[in-house]
Amino acid sequence: MKKTFFIALGLLLVLGTIIYLVEKEKGDNETANNGNLEREIVEVGTTKALLETYSFEEAVSEAELIAEIEIDEYLEEIKEPSPKTLFDAKIINSYTNDPSLKDIKVLQQGTKEYSFNGNPIFEKDEKYILFLKKAVGDRFDGTDTYWILGEETNIYSIIDNNIIKKWALRDDVLTNIEIKDYRNINSNDNSNKDSQLLDKDLFEDIMKKVIEERK
């Protein structure tokens, strides 16, 4: 009788140990999965989007303002209807608008948490040539706030006094002013994009010619 009791007790202990180990492993896996989920939440996300694209000549025609600007200050992030970042910017050179316009606000797609098509967010003191449209709606009425026409396809980084970089969408009209030997040039790297490095002075000449033809 005692022998049967001790055998039964031993079997219960073994069974209990097995159940404990199974539950522990299950719990460990759940913790690991939760940990991965938490890491995914805090990682920077990427918002993918199909853009309405424009040829260079179409962009010149459609833009309400084409200007060389310098990012002055980060203002805020706007979540709805899509993630955007709002900046103060000063105009260095306006190609299409009233020369008395000196300061504007610029909306860039994406935020620090959600990059737009993998694009970096503008930073203070960076300079760009942008093709812009006036922002509308109650929030922006009566303000000099602009959004970027075609977004990354009409952003040109100022690399130095005579080199600019078109972030995306190569344009045949600009092929003849490309800078071919750019191996040692710091080009603000969007290198996975179909970008172009261009001669800034020649770019401005082409743009002014198209602007005159469109008047």
Protein backbone atom coordinates (compact mmCIF):
# COMPACT_ATOMS: atom_id res chain seq x y z
CA MET A 1 0.00 0.00 0.00
CA LYS A 2 2.78 2.40 1.00
CA LYS A 3 4.72 1.46 -2.12
CA THR A 4 1.70 2.28 -4.33
CA PHE A 5 1.25 5.62 -2.54
CA PHE A 6 4.86 6.68 -3.09
CA ILE A 7 4.72 5.65 -6.77
CA ALA A 8 1.57 7.76 -7.26
CA LEU A 9 3.16 10.70 -5.43
CA GLY A 10 6.26 10.46 -7.61
CA LEU A 11 4.18 10.46 -10.77
CA LEU A 12 2.31 13.57 -9.57
CA LEU A 13 5.59 15.37 -8.88
CA VAL A 14 6.94 14.49 -12.34
CA LEU A 15 3.69 15.61 -13.98
CA GLY A 16 3.71 18.86 -12.01
CA THR A 17 7.30 19.55 -13.06
CA ILE A 18 6.44 18.99 -16.74
CA ILE A 19 3.43 21.33 -16.53
CA TYR A 20 5.55 24.01 -14.83
CA LEU A 21 8.27 23.82 -17.49
CA VAL A 22 5.73 23.97 -20.35
CA GLU A 23 3.99 27.00 -18.85
CA LYS A 24 7.30 28.73 -18.15
CA GLU A 25 8.43 28.30 -21.76
CA LYS A 26 5.07 29.58 -22.97
CA GLY A 27 5.38 32.61 -20.71
CA ASP A 28 8.94 33.26 -21.88
CA ASN A 29 7.80 33.16 -25.50
CA GLU A 30 4.95 35.57 -24.78
CA THR A 31 7.36 37.95 -23.05
CA ALA A 32 9.73 37.78 -25.99
CA ASN A 33 6.90 38.44 -28.43
CA ASN A 34 5.67 41.38 -26.36
CA GLY A 35 9.19 42.72 -26.26
CA ASN A 36 9.41 42.57 -30.05
CA LEU A 37 6.07 44.31 -30.36
CA GLU A 38 7.23 47.09 -28.04
CA ARG A 39 10.39 47.56 -30.10
CA GLU A 40 8.34 47.78 -33.29
CA ILE A 41 6.16 50.47 -31.76
CA VAL A 42 9.08 52.74 -30.90
CA GLU A 43 11.00 52.19 -34.14
CA VAL A 44 10.65 54.84 -36.86
CA GLY A 45 7.98 53.75 -39.32
CA THR A 46 7.89 54.40 -43.04
CA THR A 47 4.88 55.78 -44.86
CA LYS A 48 4.80 54.61 -48.47
CA ALA A 49 2.83 56.59 -51.03
CA LEU A 50 2.31 56.90 -54.74
CA LEU A 51 2.97 60.46 -55.84
CA GLU A 52 1.50 62.51 -58.62
CA THR A 53 4.67 63.21 -60.57
CA TYR A 54 5.49 66.03 -62.95
CA SER A 55 8.07 66.58 -65.62
CA PHE A 56 10.39 69.51 -64.94
CA GLU A 57 8.44 71.76 -67.31
CA GLU A 58 5.09 70.70 -65.81
CA ALA A 59 6.40 71.35 -62.29
CA VAL A 60 7.53 74.87 -63.29
CA SER A 61 4.08 75.50 -64.72
CA GLU A 62 2.10 74.06 -61.79
CA ALA A 63 4.08 75.57 -58.90
CA GLU A 64 2.76 78.76 -57.31
CA LEU A 65 6.15 79.48 -55.79
CA ILE A 66 9.62 78.24 -56.75
CA ALA A 67 12.24 79.42 -54.31
CA GLU A 68 15.62 78.74 -52.80
CA ILE A 69 14.94 78.56 -49.08
CA GLU A 70 16.78 77.96 -45.82
CA ILE A 71 15.11 75.98 -43.03
CA ASP A 72 14.93 78.30 -40.06
CA GLU A 73 13.03 76.42 -37.38
CA TYR A 74 11.13 73.21 -36.71
CA LEU A 75 7.62 74.17 -35.58
CA GLU A 76 5.46 71.08 -35.06
CA GLU A 77 4.25 67.74 -36.35
CA ILE A 78 0.77 67.36 -37.81
CA LYS A 79 -0.75 63.88 -37.62
CA GLU A 80 -3.94 64.19 -39.68
CA PRO A 81 -4.95 63.54 -42.39
CA SER A 82 -1.37 62.29 -43.01
CA PRO A 83 1.87 62.77 -41.04
CA LYS A 84 3.57 66.08 -41.86
CA THR A 85 6.15 68.40 -40.33
CA LEU A 86 5.81 72.17 -40.36
CA PHE A 87 8.86 74.43 -40.64
CA ASP A 88 9.64 78.13 -40.66
CA ALA A 89 11.81 78.98 -43.65
CA LYS A 90 13.35 82.11 -45.09
CA ILE A 91 13.49 82.78 -48.81
CA ILE A 92 16.97 83.30 -50.20
CA ASN A 93 15.86 83.68 -53.80
CA SER A 94 12.35 83.62 -55.24
CA TYR A 95 12.17 82.63 -58.91
CA THR A 96 8.44 83.06 -59.47
CA ASN A 97 6.86 85.23 -56.81
CA ASP A 98 6.76 88.67 -55.24
CA PRO A 99 10.34 89.48 -54.14
CA SER A 100 8.96 91.11 -51.00
CA LEU A 101 8.00 87.63 -49.69
CA LYS A 102 10.79 86.85 -47.22
CA ASP A 103 9.47 84.27 -44.75
CA ILE A 104 7.20 81.27 -45.32
CA LYS A 105 6.12 78.08 -43.62
CA VAL A 106 6.78 74.77 -45.39
CA LEU A 107 4.94 71.47 -44.93
CA GLN A 108 7.04 68.36 -45.53
CA GLN A 109 5.49 64.89 -45.70
CA GLY A 110 6.57 62.66 -42.81
CA THR A 111 7.60 63.15 -39.20
CA LYS A 112 10.41 62.01 -36.92
CA GLU A 113 8.40 58.84 -36.21
CA TYR A 114 7.09 58.20 -39.71
CA SER A 115 9.40 58.92 -42.62
CA PHE A 116 7.76 59.47 -46.00
CA ASN A 117 9.15 57.03 -48.60
CA GLY A 118 12.34 56.84 -46.52
CA ASN A 119 13.08 60.56 -46.90
CA PRO A 120 14.99 62.43 -44.16
CA ILE A 121 13.19 65.26 -42.39
CA PHE A 122 14.54 68.74 -43.06
CA GLU A 123 16.90 70.21 -40.49
CA LYS A 124 17.71 73.73 -39.40
CA ASP A 125 20.06 75.69 -41.69
CA GLU A 126 19.68 73.26 -44.61
CA LYS A 127 19.04 74.91 -47.97
CA TYR A 128 16.78 73.73 -50.75
CA ILE A 129 15.15 74.75 -54.00
CA LEU A 130 11.49 73.78 -53.66
CA PHE A 131 8.49 73.79 -56.00
CA LEU A 132 5.56 74.84 -53.83
CA LYS A 133 1.79 75.22 -53.71
CA LYS A 134 -0.18 77.34 -51.24
CA ALA A 135 -1.74 75.35 -48.38
CA VAL A 136 -5.50 75.75 -48.00
CA GLY A 137 -8.04 75.14 -45.25
CA ASP A 138 -9.09 76.96 -42.09
CA ARG A 139 -5.79 76.38 -40.37
CA PHE A 140 -3.70 77.88 -43.18
CA ASP A 141 -5.96 80.57 -44.61
CA GLY A 142 -4.27 83.96 -44.42
CA THR A 143 -0.83 82.44 -43.80
CA ASP A 144 2.15 82.02 -46.11
CA THR A 145 2.16 78.23 -45.72
CA TYR A 146 3.11 76.00 -48.64
CA TRP A 147 3.27 72.29 -49.40
CA ILE A 148 5.80 70.68 -51.77
CA LEU A 149 4.47 69.86 -55.23
CA GLY A 150 5.20 66.19 -55.95
CA GLU A 151 7.11 66.08 -52.63
CA GLU A 152 10.49 64.28 -53.06
CA THR A 153 10.39 64.66 -56.85
CA ASN A 154 10.56 68.45 -56.55
CA ILE A 155 13.04 68.80 -53.69
CA TYR A 156 16.55 69.97 -54.64
CA SER A 157 19.19 70.01 -51.89
CA ILE A 158 21.78 72.76 -52.06
CA ILE A 159 25.05 70.83 -51.77
CA ASP A 160 27.32 73.85 -52.23
CA ASN A 161 27.32 77.14 -54.16
CA ASN A 162 27.13 75.43 -57.53
CA ILE A 163 25.81 71.90 -56.93
CA ILE A 164 22.24 70.83 -56.23
CA LYS A 165 20.68 67.40 -55.86
CA LYS A 166 17.26 66.44 -57.20
CA TRP A 167 16.04 63.91 -54.65
CA ALA A 168 14.05 61.66 -56.97
CA LEU A 169 12.73 61.12 -60.50
CA ARG A 170 15.43 61.82 -63.05
CA ASP A 171 14.36 64.24 -65.76
CA ASP A 172 15.73 64.10 -69.31
CA VAL A 173 15.51 67.90 -69.61
CA LEU A 174 18.19 68.14 -66.90
CA THR A 175 20.52 65.45 -68.25
CA ASN A 176 22.81 67.92 -70.01
CA ILE A 177 23.55 69.80 -66.78
CA GLU A 178 24.31 66.73 -64.66
CA ILE A 179 27.59 66.63 -62.78
CA LYS A 180 29.11 63.31 -63.78
CA ASP A 181 32.10 63.02 -61.45
CA TYR A 182 30.44 63.16 -58.04
CA ARG A 183 32.31 60.42 -56.18
CA ASN A 184 33.84 62.83 -53.67
CA ILE A 185 30.79 65.02 -53.26
CA ASN A 186 28.73 64.79 -50.08
CA SER A 187 25.27 64.59 -51.58
CA ASN A 188 23.07 64.33 -48.45
CA ASP A 189 22.46 60.76 -49.24
CA ASN A 190 19.15 59.55 -50.62
CA SER A 191 21.28 57.28 -52.77
CA ASN A 192 18.62 54.63 -53.31
CA LYS A 193 16.48 57.16 -55.17
CA ASP A 194 16.73 57.90 -58.87
CA SER A 195 18.38 61.25 -58.13
CA GLN A 196 20.43 63.74 -60.14
CA LEU A 197 23.36 65.97 -59.20
CA LEU A 198 23.13 69.20 -61.18
CA ASP A 199 24.99 72.40 -61.91
CA LYS A 200 23.03 75.02 -59.95
CA ASP A 201 23.68 77.99 -62.26
CA LEU A 202 22.70 76.03 -65.37
CA PHE A 203 19.63 74.69 -63.57
CA GLU A 204 18.52 78.23 -62.79
CA ASP A 205 19.09 79.26 -66.40
CA ILE A 206 16.87 76.42 -67.67
CA MET A 207 14.20 77.19 -65.07
CA LYS A 208 14.11 80.91 -65.90
CA LYS A 209 13.80 80.09 -69.59
CA VAL A 210 10.84 77.77 -68.95
CA ILE A 211 9.21 80.38 -66.69
CA GLU A 212 9.50 83.02 -69.42
CA GLU A 213 8.08 80.66 -72.03
CA ARG A 214 5.10 79.87 -69.80
CA LYS A 215 4.09 83.52 -69.26
